[in-house]
Amino acid sequence: MAADAGSALLVFSTLPDTAAAQRLARLLVERRLAACASVLAPCVSVYRWQGVVEEAAEVPLMIKTTAARYADLEAAIRAEHPYELPEIVAVPVQRGLPGYLDWVAAETASLPISSSPRT
């Protein structure tokens, strides 16, 4: 049965460096809060913070998850992110390859759908 495209989310965040982005990406996937987290190329962000226009090098993180896992994913990002106010922006997936969306749903389930308990 194909996953509903509306249940898939792309969540974006930025981190101060590649090491921090990779740590957070691994943690989210290990906890099954994300099926995949892509560490993107560094960028320069220009923003206003506490009344001052700032410019900083950052590393974007693109996270693939489901709406059902969003609250736990957000909580994990907030707990582990080094920024006082981390960027956490979720965008619903309108369409996608059904097999890929099924994979995202399966990988973010509490337990792997195709796995059996180890003895």
N, C-alpha and C. Protein backbone atom coordinates (compact mmCIF):
# COMPACT_ATOMS: atom_id res chain seq x y z
N MET A 1 0.84 -1.18 0.00
CA MET A 1 0.00 0.00 0.00
C MET A 1 0.88 1.24 0.00
N ALA A 2 0.62 2.17 -0.89
CA ALA A 2 1.45 3.35 -1.03
C ALA A 2 1.18 4.34 0.09
N ALA A 3 2.25 4.98 0.56
CA ALA A 3 2.12 6.00 1.59
C ALA A 3 1.45 7.23 1.00
N ASP A 4 0.71 7.95 1.82
CA ASP A 4 0.06 9.19 1.40
C ASP A 4 1.13 10.27 1.27
N ALA A 5 1.19 10.92 0.10
CA ALA A 5 2.19 11.97 -0.12
C ALA A 5 2.04 13.07 0.92
N GLY A 6 0.82 13.36 1.35
CA GLY A 6 0.60 14.41 2.33
C GLY A 6 1.19 14.12 3.70
N SER A 7 1.53 12.87 3.98
CA SER A 7 2.10 12.56 5.28
C SER A 7 3.61 12.78 5.31
N ALA A 8 4.23 12.91 4.16
CA ALA A 8 5.68 13.12 4.09
C ALA A 8 6.00 14.61 4.27
N LEU A 9 7.11 14.88 4.96
CA LEU A 9 7.56 16.24 5.17
C LEU A 9 9.03 16.38 4.80
N LEU A 10 9.40 17.55 4.30
CA LEU A 10 10.80 17.95 4.19
C LEU A 10 11.00 18.99 5.29
N VAL A 11 11.96 18.74 6.16
CA VAL A 11 12.24 19.66 7.26
C VAL A 11 13.64 20.23 7.03
N PHE A 12 13.74 21.54 7.14
CA PHE A 12 15.01 22.22 6.92
C PHE A 12 15.52 22.83 8.21
N SER A 13 16.83 22.76 8.38
CA SER A 13 17.50 23.41 9.48
C SER A 13 18.87 23.83 9.00
N THR A 14 19.52 24.71 9.74
CA THR A 14 20.91 25.08 9.43
C THR A 14 21.72 24.92 10.71
N LEU A 15 22.97 24.53 10.52
CA LEU A 15 23.87 24.33 11.65
C LEU A 15 25.16 25.11 11.41
N PRO A 16 25.95 25.30 12.46
CA PRO A 16 27.13 26.15 12.31
C PRO A 16 28.28 25.54 11.52
N ASP A 17 28.33 24.21 11.41
CA ASP A 17 29.42 23.57 10.67
C ASP A 17 29.01 22.16 10.25
N THR A 18 29.84 21.56 9.41
CA THR A 18 29.54 20.23 8.86
C THR A 18 29.51 19.17 9.96
N ALA A 19 30.41 19.23 10.90
CA ALA A 19 30.44 18.23 11.97
C ALA A 19 29.14 18.24 12.76
N ALA A 20 28.64 19.42 13.12
CA ALA A 20 27.39 19.52 13.86
C ALA A 20 26.22 19.01 13.02
N ALA A 21 26.21 19.33 11.74
CA ALA A 21 25.14 18.87 10.84
C ALA A 21 25.16 17.35 10.71
N GLN A 22 26.33 16.77 10.57
CA GLN A 22 26.44 15.31 10.45
C GLN A 22 26.03 14.61 11.74
N ARG A 23 26.40 15.18 12.88
CA ARG A 23 26.01 14.60 14.17
C ARG A 23 24.49 14.58 14.32
N LEU A 24 23.86 15.71 14.01
CA LEU A 24 22.41 15.79 14.13
C LEU A 24 21.73 14.87 13.12
N ALA A 25 22.23 14.82 11.90
CA ALA A 25 21.66 13.94 10.87
C ALA A 25 21.69 12.49 11.33
N ARG A 26 22.82 12.05 11.84
CA ARG A 26 22.96 10.66 12.28
C ARG A 26 22.02 10.36 13.45
N LEU A 27 21.94 11.27 14.41
CA LEU A 27 21.07 11.07 15.57
C LEU A 27 19.61 10.93 15.12
N LEU A 28 19.16 11.77 14.21
CA LEU A 28 17.77 11.73 13.76
C LEU A 28 17.45 10.43 13.04
N VAL A 29 18.38 9.96 12.21
CA VAL A 29 18.16 8.70 11.50
C VAL A 29 18.23 7.52 12.47
N GLU A 30 19.21 7.53 13.37
CA GLU A 30 19.33 6.43 14.34
C GLU A 30 18.09 6.30 15.21
N ARG A 31 17.47 7.41 15.55
CA ARG A 31 16.27 7.40 16.38
C ARG A 31 14.99 7.17 15.56
N ARG A 32 15.12 6.96 14.28
CA ARG A 32 14.00 6.73 13.35
C ARG A 32 13.06 7.93 13.27
N LEU A 33 13.60 9.11 13.55
CA LEU A 33 12.82 10.33 13.41
C LEU A 33 12.90 10.85 11.98
N ALA A 34 13.87 10.38 11.24
CA ALA A 34 14.06 10.75 9.83
C ALA A 34 14.47 9.51 9.06
N ALA A 35 13.99 9.41 7.84
CA ALA A 35 14.43 8.33 6.95
C ALA A 35 15.80 8.67 6.39
N CYS A 36 16.02 9.95 6.16
CA CYS A 36 17.28 10.44 5.58
C CYS A 36 17.44 11.89 5.97
N ALA A 37 18.67 12.29 6.20
CA ALA A 37 18.98 13.70 6.45
C ALA A 37 20.19 14.04 5.60
N SER A 38 20.00 14.93 4.66
CA SER A 38 21.06 15.30 3.72
C SER A 38 21.78 16.55 4.20
N VAL A 39 23.09 16.41 4.40
CA VAL A 39 23.93 17.54 4.77
C VAL A 39 24.33 18.22 3.46
N LEU A 40 23.93 19.46 3.30
CA LEU A 40 24.15 20.18 2.05
C LEU A 40 25.43 21.01 2.11
N ALA A 41 25.75 21.62 0.99
CA ALA A 41 26.97 22.45 0.89
C ALA A 41 26.83 23.68 1.78
N PRO A 42 27.93 24.10 2.36
CA PRO A 42 27.89 25.31 3.20
C PRO A 42 27.36 26.51 2.41
N CYS A 43 26.74 27.42 3.14
CA CYS A 43 26.19 28.63 2.54
C CYS A 43 26.47 29.80 3.48
N VAL A 44 26.14 30.99 3.01
CA VAL A 44 26.22 32.17 3.86
C VAL A 44 24.79 32.65 4.09
N SER A 45 24.43 32.76 5.35
CA SER A 45 23.10 33.25 5.72
C SER A 45 23.20 34.69 6.19
N VAL A 46 22.28 35.52 5.73
CA VAL A 46 22.18 36.91 6.16
C VAL A 46 20.83 37.04 6.86
N TYR A 47 20.84 37.54 8.09
CA TYR A 47 19.63 37.57 8.90
C TYR A 47 19.74 38.67 9.96
N ARG A 48 18.60 39.05 10.51
CA ARG A 48 18.60 40.01 11.61
C ARG A 48 18.44 39.22 12.90
N TRP A 49 19.32 39.44 13.86
CA TRP A 49 19.25 38.77 15.16
C TRP A 49 19.46 39.81 16.25
N GLN A 50 18.48 39.93 17.12
CA GLN A 50 18.52 40.88 18.24
C GLN A 50 18.84 42.29 17.75
N GLY A 51 18.18 42.68 16.65
CA GLY A 51 18.28 44.04 16.12
C GLY A 51 19.50 44.33 15.25
N VAL A 52 20.35 43.34 15.03
CA VAL A 52 21.58 43.54 14.26
C VAL A 52 21.56 42.62 13.04
N VAL A 53 21.91 43.16 11.87
CA VAL A 53 22.02 42.33 10.69
C VAL A 53 23.33 41.55 10.79
N GLU A 54 23.21 40.23 10.72
CA GLU A 54 24.34 39.32 10.86
C GLU A 54 24.59 38.59 9.54
N GLU A 55 25.77 38.04 9.42
CA GLU A 55 26.15 37.20 8.28
C GLU A 55 26.99 36.06 8.85
N ALA A 56 26.60 34.82 8.49
CA ALA A 56 27.31 33.68 9.06
C ALA A 56 27.37 32.53 8.06
N ALA A 57 28.47 31.81 8.10
CA ALA A 57 28.57 30.57 7.33
C ALA A 57 27.76 29.52 8.07
N GLU A 58 26.93 28.77 7.33
CA GLU A 58 26.11 27.72 7.93
C GLU A 58 26.06 26.53 6.99
N VAL A 59 25.63 25.40 7.54
CA VAL A 59 25.48 24.17 6.76
C VAL A 59 24.01 23.76 6.82
N PRO A 60 23.31 23.79 5.67
CA PRO A 60 21.91 23.37 5.65
C PRO A 60 21.75 21.86 5.81
N LEU A 61 20.66 21.49 6.44
CA LEU A 61 20.31 20.09 6.63
C LEU A 61 18.88 19.91 6.10
N MET A 62 18.69 18.96 5.18
CA MET A 62 17.38 18.65 4.61
C MET A 62 16.97 17.28 5.11
N ILE A 63 15.89 17.24 5.88
CA ILE A 63 15.47 16.04 6.60
C ILE A 63 14.17 15.52 6.00
N LYS A 64 14.14 14.20 5.72
CA LYS A 64 12.94 13.57 5.19
C LYS A 64 12.28 12.76 6.29
N THR A 65 11.00 13.10 6.59
CA THR A 65 10.28 12.45 7.68
C THR A 65 8.80 12.40 7.35
N THR A 66 8.00 12.08 8.36
CA THR A 66 6.54 12.06 8.19
C THR A 66 5.90 13.00 9.21
N ALA A 67 4.66 13.38 8.92
CA ALA A 67 3.92 14.25 9.84
C ALA A 67 3.77 13.58 11.21
N ALA A 68 3.62 12.27 11.21
CA ALA A 68 3.47 11.54 12.47
C ALA A 68 4.70 11.64 13.36
N ARG A 69 5.88 11.82 12.78
CA ARG A 69 7.13 11.88 13.55
C ARG A 69 7.60 13.31 13.81
N TYR A 70 6.87 14.30 13.26
CA TYR A 70 7.36 15.67 13.34
C TYR A 70 7.57 16.18 14.77
N ALA A 71 6.62 15.99 15.65
CA ALA A 71 6.75 16.52 17.01
C ALA A 71 8.00 15.98 17.71
N ASP A 72 8.25 14.68 17.58
CA ASP A 72 9.44 14.09 18.19
C ASP A 72 10.71 14.58 17.50
N LEU A 73 10.66 14.75 16.18
CA LEU A 73 11.81 15.26 15.44
C LEU A 73 12.13 16.68 15.89
N GLU A 74 11.10 17.52 15.98
CA GLU A 74 11.32 18.90 16.42
C GLU A 74 11.92 18.93 17.83
N ALA A 75 11.40 18.11 18.72
CA ALA A 75 11.93 18.07 20.09
C ALA A 75 13.40 17.65 20.10
N ALA A 76 13.76 16.67 19.28
CA ALA A 76 15.15 16.21 19.22
C ALA A 76 16.06 17.30 18.67
N ILE A 77 15.61 17.99 17.63
CA ILE A 77 16.42 19.08 17.07
C ILE A 77 16.62 20.16 18.12
N ARG A 78 15.55 20.55 18.79
CA ARG A 78 15.65 21.60 19.81
C ARG A 78 16.61 21.20 20.93
N ALA A 79 16.57 19.93 21.33
CA ALA A 79 17.42 19.45 22.42
C ALA A 79 18.89 19.37 22.01
N GLU A 80 19.17 19.05 20.76
CA GLU A 80 20.54 18.78 20.32
C GLU A 80 21.18 19.92 19.54
N HIS A 81 20.41 20.88 19.11
CA HIS A 81 20.92 21.96 18.24
C HIS A 81 21.71 22.97 19.06
N PRO A 82 22.84 23.43 18.54
CA PRO A 82 23.66 24.37 19.30
C PRO A 82 23.13 25.81 19.33
N TYR A 83 22.18 26.16 18.47
CA TYR A 83 21.68 27.54 18.43
C TYR A 83 20.60 27.75 19.49
N GLU A 84 20.52 28.96 20.00
CA GLU A 84 19.48 29.35 20.95
C GLU A 84 18.09 29.22 20.29
N LEU A 85 17.98 29.64 19.05
CA LEU A 85 16.73 29.56 18.30
C LEU A 85 17.02 28.92 16.95
N PRO A 86 16.95 27.58 16.88
CA PRO A 86 17.30 26.90 15.62
C PRO A 86 16.22 27.08 14.55
N GLU A 87 16.67 27.12 13.32
CA GLU A 87 15.74 27.09 12.20
C GLU A 87 15.17 25.68 12.11
N ILE A 88 13.85 25.58 12.17
CA ILE A 88 13.15 24.32 11.95
C ILE A 88 11.92 24.68 11.12
N VAL A 89 11.97 24.34 9.84
CA VAL A 89 10.89 24.67 8.92
C VAL A 89 10.47 23.39 8.21
N ALA A 90 9.18 23.05 8.31
CA ALA A 90 8.67 21.84 7.67
C ALA A 90 7.78 22.22 6.49
N VAL A 91 7.98 21.50 5.39
CA VAL A 91 7.22 21.72 4.17
C VAL A 91 6.56 20.39 3.79
N PRO A 92 5.25 20.38 3.59
CA PRO A 92 4.60 19.12 3.20
C PRO A 92 4.98 18.72 1.78
N VAL A 93 5.11 17.43 1.57
CA VAL A 93 5.40 16.89 0.24
C VAL A 93 4.06 16.70 -0.47
N GLN A 94 3.89 17.35 -1.60
CA GLN A 94 2.65 17.26 -2.35
C GLN A 94 2.60 16.03 -3.24
N ARG A 95 3.75 15.69 -3.82
CA ARG A 95 3.85 14.53 -4.70
C ARG A 95 5.23 13.92 -4.53
N GLY A 96 5.33 12.64 -4.90
CA GLY A 96 6.61 11.98 -4.85
C GLY A 96 6.48 10.56 -5.37
N LEU A 97 7.61 9.97 -5.66
CA LEU A 97 7.66 8.59 -6.13
C LEU A 97 7.06 7.71 -5.03
N PRO A 98 5.99 6.97 -5.33
CA PRO A 98 5.32 6.17 -4.29
C PRO A 98 6.26 5.24 -3.52
N GLY A 99 7.17 4.58 -4.20
CA GLY A 99 8.10 3.69 -3.52
C GLY A 99 8.99 4.44 -2.54
N TYR A 100 9.42 5.65 -2.90
CA TYR A 100 10.26 6.45 -2.01
C TYR A 100 9.46 6.89 -0.79
N LEU A 101 8.23 7.33 -1.00
CA LEU A 101 7.39 7.75 0.11
C LEU A 101 7.09 6.59 1.05
N ASP A 102 6.91 5.40 0.49
CA ASP A 102 6.73 4.19 1.31
C ASP A 102 7.97 3.94 2.16
N TRP A 103 9.14 4.12 1.56
CA TRP A 103 10.41 3.93 2.28
C TRP A 103 10.53 4.93 3.43
N VAL A 104 10.20 6.20 3.18
CA VAL A 104 10.25 7.21 4.24
C VAL A 104 9.33 6.80 5.39
N ALA A 105 8.12 6.37 5.07
CA ALA A 105 7.17 5.95 6.10
C ALA A 105 7.70 4.74 6.88
N ALA A 106 8.25 3.78 6.18
CA ALA A 106 8.76 2.57 6.83
C ALA A 106 9.96 2.88 7.72
N GLU A 107 10.86 3.73 7.26
CA GLU A 107 12.07 4.03 8.02
C GLU A 107 11.82 4.92 9.23
N THR A 108 10.69 5.60 9.25
CA THR A 108 10.38 6.45 10.41
C THR A 108 9.35 5.80 11.33
N ALA A 109 8.95 4.57 11.01
CA ALA A 109 8.06 3.84 11.91
C ALA A 109 8.84 3.51 13.18
N SER A 110 8.15 3.31 14.27
CA SER A 110 8.82 3.02 15.55
C SER A 110 9.73 1.81 15.45
N LEU A 111 9.28 0.78 14.76
CA LEU A 111 10.10 -0.41 14.53
C LEU A 111 10.10 -0.68 13.03
N PRO A 112 11.19 -1.19 12.49
CA PRO A 112 11.20 -1.51 11.06
C PRO A 112 10.07 -2.46 10.72
N ILE A 113 9.34 -2.16 9.67
CA ILE A 113 8.20 -2.99 9.25
C ILE A 113 8.65 -4.38 8.87
N SER A 114 9.78 -4.51 8.21
CA SER A 114 10.22 -5.83 7.73
C SER A 114 11.15 -6.55 8.70
N SER A 115 11.40 -5.96 9.86
CA SER A 115 12.34 -6.58 10.82
C SER A 115 11.62 -7.47 11.80
N SER A 116 12.35 -8.45 12.29
CA SER A 116 11.84 -9.29 13.37
C SER A 116 12.75 -9.09 14.56
N PRO A 117 12.23 -9.30 15.77
CA PRO A 117 13.07 -9.11 16.97
C PRO A 117 14.29 -10.04 16.95
N ARG A 118 15.41 -9.53 17.44
CA ARG A 118 16.63 -10.34 17.53
C ARG A 118 16.61 -11.11 18.84
N THR A 119 17.16 -12.30 18.76
CA THR A 119 17.22 -13.11 20.00
C THR A 119 18.65 -13.33 20.41
